C-alpha cells in the first residue's frame, strides 16, 4: 500500500504552536525558591517568565522538558512531572500557543550557576515572586498546590534537600510547603517513627556549637515501609 504524501494528509488544517514551560522549585535550607528568567524574545521581552521552549518535531513533551532542565541546570534525573495543559485561545499575544507545564524539584546546592547566568535566570523566594508574563503565575500556583498535595503523602520533599540534612532543615521545608508552623517535637517524633532516615553520625554546626545530626533519606527503608502497608503522612 502506498503511503499518502505527508504534505496532503492534513492539508487545510490549522497549525498551532506547542510549548513546554517548567516550574522549577528549589530550597536553600531556609526558604522555598522559584527559578525565573528574563524573557529574551518579543512579545514581552525582558519581563520575568518561567523557563520554556517550543516543542521540536523530534522530541516528546517529556523529553523536551528534560532537555530544558539539562541545559539550564547541568543536571540529569531531576524530579519532573507533567502538571497540565494551558490552552486559552488568547493566552499568548504573539500567536496561538498551547503550553504543557511541568514542575521540577532541584537541589540548589547541585545547580550550576553558569547556566543560570547564561539564561539570565534568578532564584526568587516563593513569597516574593515578581509579576510574570501570560498565565505563568497560574501555572506556578497550580504547581504549588500539586507539590503541597504530594508532599503530604509522598517523600518528594527529599528531592529539594541536600543529600545530607538535619531534622530542623527538613521541618523548615515542610513548613514552607504547608505555609504554617509545625510543632518541633511532634515533627521529629513522627518523621523518626517512619524509620526511613539514616543517621550519619556527622553534625551540622553552622547554627550552634552543639550542632544537629545529619541524616540521609533511605529509599530501601522507605520501600520496605510502604511494602508493610504503612502510610507516609506528614
N, C-alpha and C. Protein backbone atom coordinates (compact mmCIF):
# COMPACT_ATOMS: atom_id res chain seq x y z
N UNK A 1 0.85 -1.19 0.00
CA UNK A 1 0.00 0.00 0.00
C UNK A 1 0.88 1.24 0.00
N UNK A 2 0.61 2.14 -0.92
CA UNK A 2 1.38 3.37 -0.98
C UNK A 2 0.91 4.35 0.09
N UNK A 3 1.87 4.93 0.75
CA UNK A 3 1.52 5.93 1.75
C UNK A 3 1.16 7.23 1.07
N UNK A 4 0.22 7.94 1.63
CA UNK A 4 -0.16 9.24 1.08
C UNK A 4 0.97 10.24 1.27
N UNK A 5 1.05 11.19 0.39
CA UNK A 5 2.01 12.27 0.51
C UNK A 5 1.76 12.97 1.85
N UNK A 6 2.79 13.03 2.70
CA UNK A 6 2.62 13.61 4.03
C UNK A 6 2.14 15.05 3.99
N UNK A 7 2.43 15.74 2.89
CA UNK A 7 2.00 17.14 2.79
C UNK A 7 0.52 17.27 2.50
N UNK A 8 -0.13 16.16 2.14
CA UNK A 8 -1.54 16.21 1.79
C UNK A 8 -2.45 15.60 2.85
N UNK A 9 -1.87 14.80 3.77
CA UNK A 9 -2.69 14.08 4.74
C UNK A 9 -3.55 15.02 5.55
N UNK A 10 -2.95 16.10 6.07
CA UNK A 10 -3.69 17.04 6.90
C UNK A 10 -3.80 18.41 6.23
N UNK A 11 -3.89 18.37 4.92
CA UNK A 11 -3.97 19.61 4.16
C UNK A 11 -5.19 20.43 4.59
N UNK A 12 -4.96 21.71 4.77
CA UNK A 12 -6.07 22.60 5.13
C UNK A 12 -6.28 22.77 6.62
N UNK A 13 -5.57 21.97 7.45
CA UNK A 13 -5.72 22.09 8.90
C UNK A 13 -4.84 23.22 9.44
N UNK A 14 -5.32 23.89 10.47
CA UNK A 14 -4.55 24.98 11.04
C UNK A 14 -3.36 24.48 11.83
N UNK A 15 -2.31 25.25 11.79
CA UNK A 15 -1.10 24.92 12.55
C UNK A 15 -1.14 25.68 13.88
N UNK A 16 -0.87 24.99 14.97
CA UNK A 16 -0.85 25.59 16.31
C UNK A 16 0.48 25.27 16.96
N UNK A 17 1.10 26.28 17.57
CA UNK A 17 2.37 26.08 18.25
C UNK A 17 2.15 25.41 19.61
N UNK A 18 3.08 24.54 19.97
CA UNK A 18 3.04 23.86 21.27
C UNK A 18 4.34 24.16 22.02
N UNK A 19 4.20 24.57 23.26
CA UNK A 19 5.37 24.91 24.07
C UNK A 19 5.38 24.08 25.36
N UNK A 20 6.56 24.00 25.96
CA UNK A 20 6.72 23.40 27.29
C UNK A 20 7.22 24.50 28.22
N UNK A 21 6.57 24.66 29.36
CA UNK A 21 7.03 25.60 30.38
C UNK A 21 7.32 24.82 31.66
N UNK A 22 8.43 25.16 32.32
CA UNK A 22 8.87 24.42 33.50
C UNK A 22 8.81 25.29 34.76
N UNK A 23 8.07 24.81 35.74
CA UNK A 23 8.04 25.45 37.06
C UNK A 23 9.10 24.75 37.90
N UNK A 24 10.18 25.45 38.24
CA UNK A 24 11.33 24.83 38.89
C UNK A 24 11.43 25.33 40.33
N UNK A 25 11.22 24.40 41.27
CA UNK A 25 11.30 24.73 42.69
C UNK A 25 12.68 24.35 43.24
N UNK A 26 13.16 25.14 44.18
CA UNK A 26 14.38 24.83 44.91
C UNK A 26 14.18 25.16 46.38
N UNK A 27 15.17 24.80 47.19
CA UNK A 27 15.10 25.07 48.64
C UNK A 27 16.51 25.33 49.14
N UNK A 28 16.70 26.43 49.88
CA UNK A 28 18.04 26.82 50.32
C UNK A 28 18.28 26.58 51.81
N UNK A 29 17.54 25.65 52.39
CA UNK A 29 17.60 25.29 53.81
C UNK A 29 16.79 26.25 54.69
N UNK A 30 16.33 27.35 54.10
CA UNK A 30 15.53 28.30 54.86
C UNK A 30 14.21 28.65 54.16
N UNK A 31 14.25 28.77 52.83
CA UNK A 31 13.06 29.20 52.10
C UNK A 31 12.89 28.41 50.81
N UNK A 32 11.62 28.23 50.43
CA UNK A 32 11.30 27.63 49.14
C UNK A 32 11.57 28.67 48.06
N UNK A 33 12.15 28.23 46.95
CA UNK A 33 12.55 29.14 45.88
C UNK A 33 11.88 28.75 44.56
N UNK A 34 11.80 29.74 43.66
CA UNK A 34 11.28 29.52 42.31
C UNK A 34 12.27 30.12 41.33
N UNK A 35 12.63 29.36 40.29
CA UNK A 35 13.59 29.83 39.29
C UNK A 35 12.86 30.50 38.13
N UNK A 36 13.22 31.75 37.87
CA UNK A 36 12.62 32.52 36.78
C UNK A 36 13.72 33.11 35.90
N UNK A 37 13.36 33.50 34.67
CA UNK A 37 14.36 34.14 33.84
C UNK A 37 13.72 35.28 33.04
N UNK A 38 14.60 36.18 32.59
CA UNK A 38 14.16 37.31 31.78
C UNK A 38 13.89 36.82 30.35
N UNK A 39 12.67 37.04 29.88
CA UNK A 39 12.30 36.60 28.53
C UNK A 39 13.16 37.32 27.50
N UNK A 40 13.69 36.57 26.54
CA UNK A 40 14.65 37.12 25.59
C UNK A 40 14.05 37.47 24.23
N UNK A 41 12.77 37.19 24.01
CA UNK A 41 12.15 37.46 22.72
C UNK A 41 10.84 38.22 22.92
N UNK A 42 10.44 38.92 21.87
CA UNK A 42 9.13 39.56 21.87
C UNK A 42 8.06 38.52 21.57
N UNK A 43 6.83 38.73 22.03
CA UNK A 43 6.38 39.86 22.84
C UNK A 43 6.79 39.70 24.31
N UNK A 44 6.75 40.79 25.03
CA UNK A 44 7.03 40.81 26.47
C UNK A 44 8.50 40.56 26.79
N UNK A 45 9.37 40.91 25.86
CA UNK A 45 10.81 40.74 26.07
C UNK A 45 11.27 41.49 27.31
N UNK A 46 12.12 40.84 28.11
CA UNK A 46 12.69 41.47 29.29
C UNK A 46 11.89 41.28 30.56
N UNK A 47 10.68 40.72 30.46
CA UNK A 47 9.87 40.51 31.65
C UNK A 47 10.14 39.11 32.23
N UNK A 48 9.76 38.93 33.49
CA UNK A 48 10.03 37.66 34.17
C UNK A 48 9.10 36.57 33.67
N UNK A 49 9.69 35.39 33.46
CA UNK A 49 8.97 34.29 32.84
C UNK A 49 9.45 32.96 33.41
N UNK A 50 8.63 31.94 33.28
CA UNK A 50 9.10 30.58 33.52
C UNK A 50 10.06 30.20 32.40
N UNK A 51 10.85 29.17 32.65
CA UNK A 51 11.77 28.68 31.62
C UNK A 51 11.00 27.76 30.69
N UNK A 52 11.05 28.02 29.40
CA UNK A 52 10.29 27.20 28.47
C UNK A 52 10.83 27.27 27.05
N UNK A 53 10.20 26.51 26.17
CA UNK A 53 10.62 26.49 24.77
C UNK A 53 9.52 25.86 23.94
N UNK A 54 9.54 26.15 22.64
CA UNK A 54 8.61 25.49 21.73
C UNK A 54 9.09 24.07 21.47
N UNK A 55 8.13 23.18 21.24
CA UNK A 55 8.44 21.78 21.01
C UNK A 55 9.06 21.57 19.63
N UNK A 56 10.15 20.82 19.57
CA UNK A 56 10.76 20.45 18.30
C UNK A 56 10.15 19.15 17.81
N UNK A 57 10.14 18.96 16.51
CA UNK A 57 9.48 17.80 15.91
C UNK A 57 10.05 16.46 16.37
N UNK A 58 11.32 16.45 16.81
CA UNK A 58 11.95 15.17 17.16
C UNK A 58 11.90 14.86 18.65
N UNK A 59 11.14 15.65 19.41
CA UNK A 59 11.10 15.44 20.86
C UNK A 59 9.67 15.27 21.36
N UNK A 60 9.51 14.36 22.33
CA UNK A 60 8.23 14.25 23.03
C UNK A 60 8.15 15.40 24.03
N UNK A 61 6.98 15.60 24.60
CA UNK A 61 6.83 16.65 25.60
C UNK A 61 7.77 16.42 26.78
N UNK A 62 7.79 15.18 27.28
CA UNK A 62 8.61 14.86 28.44
C UNK A 62 10.09 15.06 28.16
N UNK A 63 10.54 14.63 26.98
CA UNK A 63 11.94 14.78 26.63
C UNK A 63 12.31 16.24 26.40
N UNK A 64 11.36 17.03 25.90
CA UNK A 64 11.61 18.46 25.73
C UNK A 64 11.81 19.12 27.09
N UNK A 65 10.99 18.75 28.07
CA UNK A 65 11.13 19.30 29.42
C UNK A 65 12.46 18.87 30.04
N UNK A 66 12.84 17.61 29.84
CA UNK A 66 14.12 17.12 30.36
C UNK A 66 15.29 17.89 29.75
N UNK A 67 15.18 18.19 28.44
CA UNK A 67 16.26 18.91 27.76
C UNK A 67 16.39 20.33 28.32
N UNK A 68 15.26 20.97 28.57
CA UNK A 68 15.29 22.32 29.15
C UNK A 68 16.01 22.29 30.49
N UNK A 69 15.66 21.32 31.34
CA UNK A 69 16.27 21.22 32.67
C UNK A 69 17.76 20.91 32.58
N UNK A 70 18.13 20.04 31.65
CA UNK A 70 19.54 19.68 31.50
C UNK A 70 20.35 20.89 31.06
N UNK A 71 19.85 21.63 30.06
CA UNK A 71 20.56 22.79 29.56
C UNK A 71 20.65 23.88 30.62
N UNK A 72 19.61 24.01 31.44
CA UNK A 72 19.57 25.06 32.44
C UNK A 72 20.39 24.73 33.68
N UNK A 73 20.27 23.48 34.16
CA UNK A 73 20.89 23.12 35.43
C UNK A 73 22.18 22.32 35.30
N UNK A 74 22.37 21.69 34.15
CA UNK A 74 23.51 20.78 34.01
C UNK A 74 23.29 19.47 34.70
N UNK A 75 22.06 19.25 35.20
CA UNK A 75 21.75 18.04 35.96
C UNK A 75 20.80 17.14 35.21
N UNK A 76 20.98 15.84 35.38
CA UNK A 76 20.06 14.86 34.81
C UNK A 76 19.29 14.18 35.95
N UNK A 77 18.23 13.52 35.58
CA UNK A 77 17.42 12.74 36.54
C UNK A 77 16.82 13.60 37.64
N UNK A 78 16.47 14.85 37.31
CA UNK A 78 15.74 15.69 38.26
C UNK A 78 14.31 15.17 38.40
N UNK A 79 13.71 15.44 39.56
CA UNK A 79 12.30 15.11 39.71
C UNK A 79 11.51 15.99 38.74
N UNK A 80 10.70 15.34 37.92
CA UNK A 80 9.96 16.05 36.87
C UNK A 80 8.60 15.40 36.68
N UNK A 81 7.56 16.22 36.67
CA UNK A 81 6.22 15.68 36.48
C UNK A 81 5.38 16.63 35.65
N UNK A 82 4.61 16.06 34.72
CA UNK A 82 3.71 16.88 33.93
C UNK A 82 2.59 17.41 34.82
N UNK A 83 2.32 18.69 34.69
CA UNK A 83 1.30 19.34 35.51
C UNK A 83 -0.04 19.36 34.80
N UNK A 84 -0.19 20.20 33.77
CA UNK A 84 -1.41 20.25 33.00
C UNK A 84 -1.20 21.10 31.76
N UNK A 85 -2.21 21.15 30.91
CA UNK A 85 -2.15 21.89 29.66
C UNK A 85 -2.92 23.20 29.79
N UNK A 86 -2.35 24.26 29.22
CA UNK A 86 -2.97 25.58 29.23
C UNK A 86 -3.24 25.98 27.77
N UNK A 87 -4.52 26.19 27.45
CA UNK A 87 -4.87 26.30 26.03
C UNK A 87 -5.86 27.42 25.71
N UNK A 88 -5.98 28.41 26.58
CA UNK A 88 -6.88 29.51 26.24
C UNK A 88 -6.47 30.12 24.91
N UNK A 89 -7.44 30.43 24.09
CA UNK A 89 -7.17 30.91 22.73
C UNK A 89 -6.28 32.15 22.73
N UNK A 90 -6.53 33.06 23.66
CA UNK A 90 -5.81 34.34 23.65
C UNK A 90 -4.72 34.41 24.72
N UNK A 91 -4.20 33.27 25.17
CA UNK A 91 -3.23 33.28 26.28
C UNK A 91 -1.89 33.91 25.87
N UNK A 92 -1.55 33.88 24.59
CA UNK A 92 -0.28 34.44 24.12
C UNK A 92 -0.57 35.45 23.01
N UNK A 93 -0.17 36.73 23.18
CA UNK A 93 -0.46 37.74 22.17
C UNK A 93 0.33 37.57 20.88
N UNK A 94 1.36 36.75 20.91
CA UNK A 94 2.19 36.57 19.73
C UNK A 94 1.63 35.61 18.71
N UNK A 95 0.93 34.56 19.18
CA UNK A 95 0.44 33.51 18.29
C UNK A 95 -0.44 32.58 19.11
N UNK A 96 -1.18 31.71 18.43
CA UNK A 96 -1.95 30.69 19.14
C UNK A 96 -0.97 29.64 19.65
N UNK A 97 -0.80 29.59 20.96
CA UNK A 97 0.17 28.68 21.57
C UNK A 97 -0.50 27.88 22.67
N UNK A 98 -0.36 26.58 22.60
CA UNK A 98 -0.77 25.69 23.68
C UNK A 98 0.47 25.33 24.48
N UNK A 99 0.41 25.50 25.79
CA UNK A 99 1.56 25.20 26.63
C UNK A 99 1.26 24.03 27.57
N UNK A 100 2.19 23.10 27.63
CA UNK A 100 2.11 21.99 28.58
C UNK A 100 3.13 22.27 29.66
N UNK A 101 2.64 22.42 30.90
CA UNK A 101 3.52 22.78 32.01
C UNK A 101 4.00 21.54 32.76
N UNK A 102 5.25 21.59 33.18
CA UNK A 102 5.86 20.56 34.01
C UNK A 102 6.39 21.25 35.27
N UNK A 103 6.43 20.52 36.38
CA UNK A 103 7.11 21.08 37.54
C UNK A 103 8.24 20.16 37.96
N UNK A 104 9.31 20.79 38.43
CA UNK A 104 10.52 20.06 38.77
C UNK A 104 11.04 20.50 40.13
N UNK A 105 11.72 19.58 40.82
CA UNK A 105 12.34 19.86 42.11
C UNK A 105 13.84 19.68 41.96
N UNK A 106 14.60 20.69 42.35
CA UNK A 106 16.05 20.69 42.13
C UNK A 106 16.78 21.04 43.42
N UNK A 107 17.89 20.37 43.65
CA UNK A 107 18.76 20.72 44.78
C UNK A 107 19.60 21.93 44.36
N UNK A 108 19.36 23.05 45.00
CA UNK A 108 20.08 24.27 44.63
C UNK A 108 21.59 24.08 44.78
N UNK A 109 22.00 23.31 45.78
CA UNK A 109 23.43 23.11 46.03
C UNK A 109 24.13 22.42 44.87
N UNK A 110 23.38 21.67 44.05
CA UNK A 110 23.97 20.97 42.91
C UNK A 110 23.87 21.78 41.62
N UNK A 111 23.21 22.91 41.70
CA UNK A 111 22.90 23.70 40.50
C UNK A 111 24.14 24.40 39.96
N UNK A 112 24.28 24.47 38.63
CA UNK A 112 25.40 25.13 38.01
C UNK A 112 25.08 26.61 37.78
N UNK A 113 25.77 27.48 38.50
CA UNK A 113 25.48 28.90 38.43
C UNK A 113 25.76 29.48 37.04
N UNK A 114 26.69 28.90 36.30
CA UNK A 114 26.99 29.40 34.96
C UNK A 114 25.77 29.27 34.05
N UNK A 115 25.03 28.20 34.23
CA UNK A 115 23.83 28.01 33.42
C UNK A 115 22.79 29.07 33.76
N UNK A 116 22.70 29.43 35.04
CA UNK A 116 21.76 30.46 35.45
C UNK A 116 22.12 31.78 34.79
N UNK A 117 23.40 32.13 34.77
CA UNK A 117 23.84 33.38 34.17
C UNK A 117 23.57 33.38 32.66
N UNK A 118 23.75 32.25 32.02
CA UNK A 118 23.51 32.13 30.58
C UNK A 118 22.06 32.44 30.25
N UNK A 119 21.15 31.98 31.07
CA UNK A 119 19.73 32.19 30.82
C UNK A 119 19.21 33.48 31.46
N UNK A 120 20.11 34.25 32.10
CA UNK A 120 19.69 35.46 32.83
C UNK A 120 18.60 35.08 33.83
N UNK A 121 18.84 34.00 34.57
CA UNK A 121 17.85 33.46 35.49
C UNK A 121 18.17 33.87 36.93
N UNK A 122 17.17 33.73 37.79
CA UNK A 122 17.33 34.15 39.18
C UNK A 122 16.41 33.34 40.07
N UNK A 123 16.93 32.93 41.24
CA UNK A 123 16.10 32.26 42.24
C UNK A 123 15.36 33.30 43.07
N UNK A 124 14.04 33.21 43.12
CA UNK A 124 13.23 34.10 43.94
C UNK A 124 12.65 33.34 45.13
N UNK A 125 12.59 34.02 46.30
CA UNK A 125 11.83 33.45 47.41
C UNK A 125 10.39 33.26 46.94
N UNK A 126 9.78 32.14 47.34
CA UNK A 126 8.45 31.85 46.83
C UNK A 126 7.42 32.89 47.25
N UNK A 127 7.65 33.52 48.40
CA UNK A 127 6.70 34.54 48.85
C UNK A 127 7.05 35.94 48.33
N UNK A 128 7.97 36.01 47.37
CA UNK A 128 8.38 37.30 46.80
C UNK A 128 8.53 37.18 45.28
N UNK A 129 7.58 36.51 44.66
CA UNK A 129 7.63 36.30 43.21
C UNK A 129 7.18 37.56 42.47
N UNK A 130 7.93 38.02 41.48
CA UNK A 130 7.52 39.22 40.73
C UNK A 130 6.36 38.90 39.77
N UNK A 131 5.84 39.94 39.13
CA UNK A 131 4.80 39.73 38.12
C UNK A 131 5.37 38.88 36.98
N UNK A 132 4.58 37.93 36.50
CA UNK A 132 5.02 37.02 35.45
C UNK A 132 4.20 37.24 34.19
N UNK A 133 4.76 36.85 33.06
CA UNK A 133 4.08 37.03 31.79
C UNK A 133 2.94 36.02 31.62
N UNK A 134 2.05 36.36 30.69
CA UNK A 134 0.99 35.45 30.26
C UNK A 134 0.24 34.85 31.46
N UNK A 135 0.06 33.52 31.44
CA UNK A 135 -0.63 32.82 32.53
C UNK A 135 0.36 32.05 33.40
N UNK A 136 1.61 32.51 33.42
CA UNK A 136 2.65 31.77 34.15
C UNK A 136 2.41 31.77 35.65
N UNK A 137 1.80 32.83 36.19
CA UNK A 137 1.51 32.83 37.63
C UNK A 137 0.49 31.75 37.96
N UNK A 138 -0.48 31.54 37.07
CA UNK A 138 -1.46 30.49 37.28
C UNK A 138 -0.78 29.12 37.28
N UNK A 139 0.20 28.95 36.39
CA UNK A 139 0.95 27.70 36.34
C UNK A 139 1.69 27.47 37.66
N UNK A 140 2.31 28.54 38.18
CA UNK A 140 3.05 28.44 39.44
C UNK A 140 2.12 28.06 40.58
N UNK A 141 0.97 28.72 40.66
CA UNK A 141 0.01 28.42 41.72
C UNK A 141 -0.49 26.99 41.63
N UNK A 142 -0.76 26.52 40.42
CA UNK A 142 -1.23 25.14 40.23
C UNK A 142 -0.14 24.14 40.62
N UNK A 143 1.11 24.46 40.27
CA UNK A 143 2.23 23.56 40.60
C UNK A 143 2.44 23.50 42.10
N UNK A 144 2.30 24.64 42.78
CA UNK A 144 2.49 24.67 44.22
C UNK A 144 1.41 23.83 44.92
N UNK A 145 0.18 23.91 44.44
CA UNK A 145 -0.89 23.09 45.01
C UNK A 145 -0.58 21.61 44.83
N UNK A 146 -0.05 21.25 43.66
CA UNK A 146 0.31 19.85 43.41
C UNK A 146 1.45 19.43 44.32
N UNK A 147 2.45 20.29 44.48
CA UNK A 147 3.59 19.99 45.35
C UNK A 147 3.12 19.76 46.78
N UNK A 148 2.26 20.62 47.28
CA UNK A 148 1.77 20.50 48.66
C UNK A 148 0.97 19.22 48.84
N UNK A 149 0.14 18.88 47.86
CA UNK A 149 -0.67 17.67 47.96
C UNK A 149 0.22 16.43 47.96
N UNK A 150 1.23 16.40 47.11
CA UNK A 150 2.10 15.23 47.03
C UNK A 150 3.00 15.11 48.25
N UNK A 151 3.48 16.26 48.76
CA UNK A 151 4.39 16.22 49.90
C UNK A 151 3.74 15.64 51.14
N UNK A 152 2.41 15.70 51.20
CA UNK A 152 1.70 15.20 52.38
C UNK A 152 1.68 13.68 52.46
N UNK A 153 1.91 12.99 51.32
CA UNK A 153 1.84 11.53 51.37
C UNK A 153 2.93 10.83 50.55
N UNK A 154 3.83 11.61 49.95
CA UNK A 154 4.97 11.04 49.23
C UNK A 154 6.24 11.78 49.66
N UNK A 155 7.39 11.10 49.68
CA UNK A 155 8.61 11.73 50.19
C UNK A 155 9.32 12.60 49.15
N UNK A 156 8.57 13.38 48.38
CA UNK A 156 9.21 14.17 47.32
C UNK A 156 10.00 15.34 47.89
N UNK A 157 9.72 15.72 49.15
CA UNK A 157 10.47 16.81 49.75
C UNK A 157 11.97 16.56 49.79
N UNK A 158 12.36 15.30 49.86
CA UNK A 158 13.78 14.97 49.91
C UNK A 158 14.50 15.33 48.61
N UNK A 159 13.74 15.51 47.52
CA UNK A 159 14.33 15.91 46.24
C UNK A 159 14.87 17.34 46.31
N UNK A 160 14.40 18.13 47.27
CA UNK A 160 14.80 19.53 47.39
C UNK A 160 15.94 19.73 48.38
N UNK A 161 16.18 18.74 49.22
CA UNK A 161 17.20 18.85 50.26
C UNK A 161 18.56 18.36 49.77
N UNK A 162 19.65 18.82 50.41
CA UNK A 162 20.96 18.23 50.11
C UNK A 162 20.93 16.75 50.45
N UNK A 163 21.91 16.01 50.00
CA UNK A 163 21.96 14.58 50.29
C UNK A 163 21.97 14.33 51.80
N UNK A 164 22.66 15.20 52.54
CA UNK A 164 22.68 15.12 54.00
C UNK A 164 22.01 16.37 54.56
N UNK A 165 21.11 16.18 55.50
CA UNK A 165 20.32 17.29 56.03
C UNK A 165 20.00 17.04 57.50
N UNK A 166 19.58 18.09 58.18
CA UNK A 166 19.18 17.97 59.58
C UNK A 166 17.66 17.86 59.66
N UNK A 167 17.18 17.37 60.79
CA UNK A 167 15.73 17.32 61.01
C UNK A 167 15.12 18.73 60.97
N UNK A 168 15.77 19.73 61.61
CA UNK A 168 15.23 21.09 61.51
C UNK A 168 15.13 21.60 60.07
N UNK A 169 16.10 21.26 59.22
CA UNK A 169 16.03 21.67 57.82
C UNK A 169 14.84 21.01 57.12
N UNK A 170 14.64 19.74 57.41
CA UNK A 170 13.50 19.02 56.84
C UNK A 170 12.19 19.64 57.31
N UNK A 171 12.12 19.97 58.58
CA UNK A 171 10.91 20.59 59.12
C UNK A 171 10.66 21.95 58.48
N UNK A 172 11.71 22.74 58.31
CA UNK A 172 11.56 24.06 57.68
C UNK A 172 11.02 23.92 56.27
N UNK A 173 11.50 22.92 55.54
CA UNK A 173 10.99 22.69 54.19
C UNK A 173 9.49 22.42 54.22
N UNK A 174 9.05 21.54 55.09
CA UNK A 174 7.63 21.21 55.15
C UNK A 174 6.80 22.40 55.63
N UNK A 175 7.38 23.23 56.48
CA UNK A 175 6.67 24.44 56.90
C UNK A 175 6.49 25.40 55.72
N UNK A 176 7.51 25.47 54.85
CA UNK A 176 7.40 26.30 53.64
C UNK A 176 6.32 25.76 52.70
N UNK A 177 6.27 24.44 52.56
CA UNK A 177 5.30 23.82 51.66
C UNK A 177 3.88 23.96 52.21
N UNK A 178 3.73 23.73 53.51
CA UNK A 178 2.41 23.81 54.13
C UNK A 178 2.00 25.23 54.51
N UNK A 179 3.01 26.14 54.50
CA UNK A 179 2.79 27.55 54.84
C UNK A 179 2.21 27.72 56.25
N UNK A 180 2.76 26.95 57.17
CA UNK A 180 2.36 27.08 58.57
C UNK A 180 3.45 26.47 59.46
N UNK A 181 3.49 26.90 60.71
CA UNK A 181 4.47 26.40 61.66
C UNK A 181 4.07 25.02 62.15
N UNK A 182 5.05 24.11 62.27
CA UNK A 182 4.82 22.77 62.79
C UNK A 182 5.47 22.62 64.16
N UNK A 183 4.88 21.83 65.01
CA UNK A 183 5.44 21.60 66.34
C UNK A 183 6.74 20.82 66.23
N UNK A 184 7.81 21.36 66.82
CA UNK A 184 9.15 20.75 66.69
C UNK A 184 9.18 19.31 67.18
N UNK A 185 8.69 19.10 68.39
CA UNK A 185 8.78 17.76 69.00
C UNK A 185 7.94 16.75 68.24
N UNK A 186 6.73 17.14 67.88
CA UNK A 186 5.85 16.21 67.16
C UNK A 186 6.39 15.85 65.79
N UNK A 187 6.98 16.85 65.10
CA UNK A 187 7.52 16.59 63.77
C UNK A 187 8.68 15.60 63.86
N UNK A 188 9.63 15.87 64.76
CA UNK A 188 10.78 14.97 64.92
C UNK A 188 10.33 13.55 65.27
N UNK A 189 9.40 13.45 66.21
CA UNK A 189 8.93 12.14 66.65
C UNK A 189 8.29 11.38 65.50
N UNK A 190 7.48 12.10 64.70
CA UNK A 190 6.77 11.43 63.62
C UNK A 190 7.70 10.98 62.51
N UNK A 191 8.59 11.87 62.06
CA UNK A 191 9.48 11.52 60.95
C UNK A 191 10.42 10.39 61.34
N UNK A 192 10.90 10.37 62.58
CA UNK A 192 11.80 9.30 63.01
C UNK A 192 11.04 7.99 63.21
N UNK A 193 9.75 8.07 63.52
CA UNK A 193 8.96 6.85 63.71
C UNK A 193 8.79 6.07 62.41
N UNK A 194 8.92 6.75 61.27
CA UNK A 194 8.79 6.07 59.98
C UNK A 194 9.98 5.17 59.70
N UNK A 195 11.13 5.47 60.32
CA UNK A 195 12.37 4.71 60.13
C UNK A 195 12.76 4.67 58.65
N UNK A 196 12.75 5.84 58.02
CA UNK A 196 13.15 5.93 56.60
C UNK A 196 14.39 6.81 56.44
N UNK A 197 14.99 7.22 57.56
CA UNK A 197 16.19 8.05 57.51
C UNK A 197 17.37 7.28 58.08
N UNK A 198 18.55 7.58 57.57
CA UNK A 198 19.79 7.01 58.10
C UNK A 198 20.58 8.11 58.78
N UNK A 199 20.89 7.92 60.06
CA UNK A 199 21.66 8.90 60.82
C UNK A 199 23.13 8.73 60.46
N UNK A 200 23.80 9.81 60.04
CA UNK A 200 25.17 9.69 59.53
C UNK A 200 26.23 9.72 60.63
N UNK A 201 25.90 10.28 61.78
CA UNK A 201 26.92 10.45 62.82
C UNK A 201 27.64 11.78 62.69
N UNK A 202 27.45 12.46 61.55
CA UNK A 202 28.04 13.78 61.33
C UNK A 202 27.08 14.85 61.86
N UNK A 203 27.65 16.04 62.12
CA UNK A 203 26.83 17.13 62.62
C UNK A 203 27.00 18.40 61.79
N UNK A 204 25.93 19.16 61.72
CA UNK A 204 25.95 20.50 61.13
C UNK A 204 26.05 21.49 62.28
N UNK A 205 27.16 22.21 62.36
CA UNK A 205 27.36 23.14 63.46
C UNK A 205 27.28 24.60 63.00
N UNK A 206 26.61 24.81 61.89
CA UNK A 206 26.53 26.16 61.35
C UNK A 206 25.63 27.08 62.17
N UNK A 207 24.68 26.49 62.92
CA UNK A 207 23.74 27.32 63.67
C UNK A 207 23.94 27.26 65.18
N UNK A 208 24.77 26.32 65.66
CA UNK A 208 25.03 26.23 67.10
C UNK A 208 26.30 25.43 67.34
N UNK A 209 26.91 25.63 68.52
CA UNK A 209 28.13 24.88 68.86
C UNK A 209 27.83 23.40 69.03
N UNK A 210 26.68 23.10 69.60
CA UNK A 210 26.30 21.71 69.81
C UNK A 210 26.05 21.01 68.49
N UNK A 211 25.43 21.71 67.55
CA UNK A 211 25.18 21.15 66.24
C UNK A 211 23.97 20.23 66.19
N UNK A 212 23.59 19.88 64.99
CA UNK A 212 22.46 18.96 64.77
C UNK A 212 22.93 17.83 63.88
N UNK A 213 22.53 16.60 64.21
CA UNK A 213 22.95 15.45 63.42
C UNK A 213 22.42 15.52 61.99
N UNK A 214 23.23 15.05 61.07
CA UNK A 214 22.85 14.99 59.67
C UNK A 214 22.26 13.61 59.36
N UNK A 215 21.22 13.61 58.55
CA UNK A 215 20.54 12.39 58.14
C UNK A 215 20.53 12.28 56.62
N UNK A 216 20.24 11.07 56.13
CA UNK A 216 20.06 10.83 54.71
C UNK A 216 18.76 10.06 54.50
N UNK A 217 18.07 10.38 53.41
CA UNK A 217 16.88 9.62 53.06
C UNK A 217 17.30 8.24 52.59
N UNK A 218 16.65 7.19 53.12
CA UNK A 218 16.99 5.82 52.77
C UNK A 218 15.84 5.22 51.96
N UNK A 219 16.03 5.13 50.64
CA UNK A 219 14.96 4.65 49.78
C UNK A 219 14.60 3.20 50.06
N UNK A 220 15.58 2.38 50.37
CA UNK A 220 15.30 0.97 50.67
C UNK A 220 14.40 0.85 51.90
N UNK A 221 14.70 1.64 52.92
CA UNK A 221 13.85 1.63 54.11
C UNK A 221 12.45 2.14 53.79
N UNK A 222 12.38 3.15 52.92
CA UNK A 222 11.07 3.69 52.56
C UNK A 222 10.25 2.65 51.80
N UNK A 223 10.89 1.95 50.86
CA UNK A 223 10.19 0.92 50.09
C UNK A 223 9.67 -0.17 51.02
N UNK A 224 10.49 -0.56 52.01
CA UNK A 224 10.07 -1.58 52.98
C UNK A 224 8.91 -1.05 53.84
N UNK A 225 8.97 0.23 54.17
CA UNK A 225 7.92 0.89 54.96
C UNK A 225 6.59 0.83 54.22
N UNK A 226 6.60 1.14 52.93
CA UNK A 226 5.39 1.12 52.12
C UNK A 226 4.91 -0.31 51.89
N UNK A 227 5.87 -1.24 51.70
CA UNK A 227 5.52 -2.64 51.45
C UNK A 227 4.75 -3.25 52.64
N UNK A 228 4.99 -2.72 53.83
CA UNK A 228 4.29 -3.20 55.02
C UNK A 228 2.86 -2.66 55.12
N UNK A 229 2.51 -1.80 54.16
CA UNK A 229 1.18 -1.21 54.17
C UNK A 229 1.09 0.06 54.99
N UNK A 230 2.25 0.60 55.38
CA UNK A 230 2.26 1.82 56.17
C UNK A 230 2.05 3.04 55.26
N UNK A 231 1.59 4.12 55.84
CA UNK A 231 1.33 5.35 55.08
C UNK A 231 2.30 6.45 55.49
N UNK A 232 2.87 7.11 54.49
CA UNK A 232 3.74 8.25 54.74
C UNK A 232 2.87 9.50 54.73
N UNK A 233 2.64 10.08 55.90
CA UNK A 233 1.81 11.28 56.02
C UNK A 233 2.48 12.25 56.97
N UNK A 234 2.80 13.42 56.46
CA UNK A 234 3.44 14.46 57.28
C UNK A 234 2.59 15.72 57.26
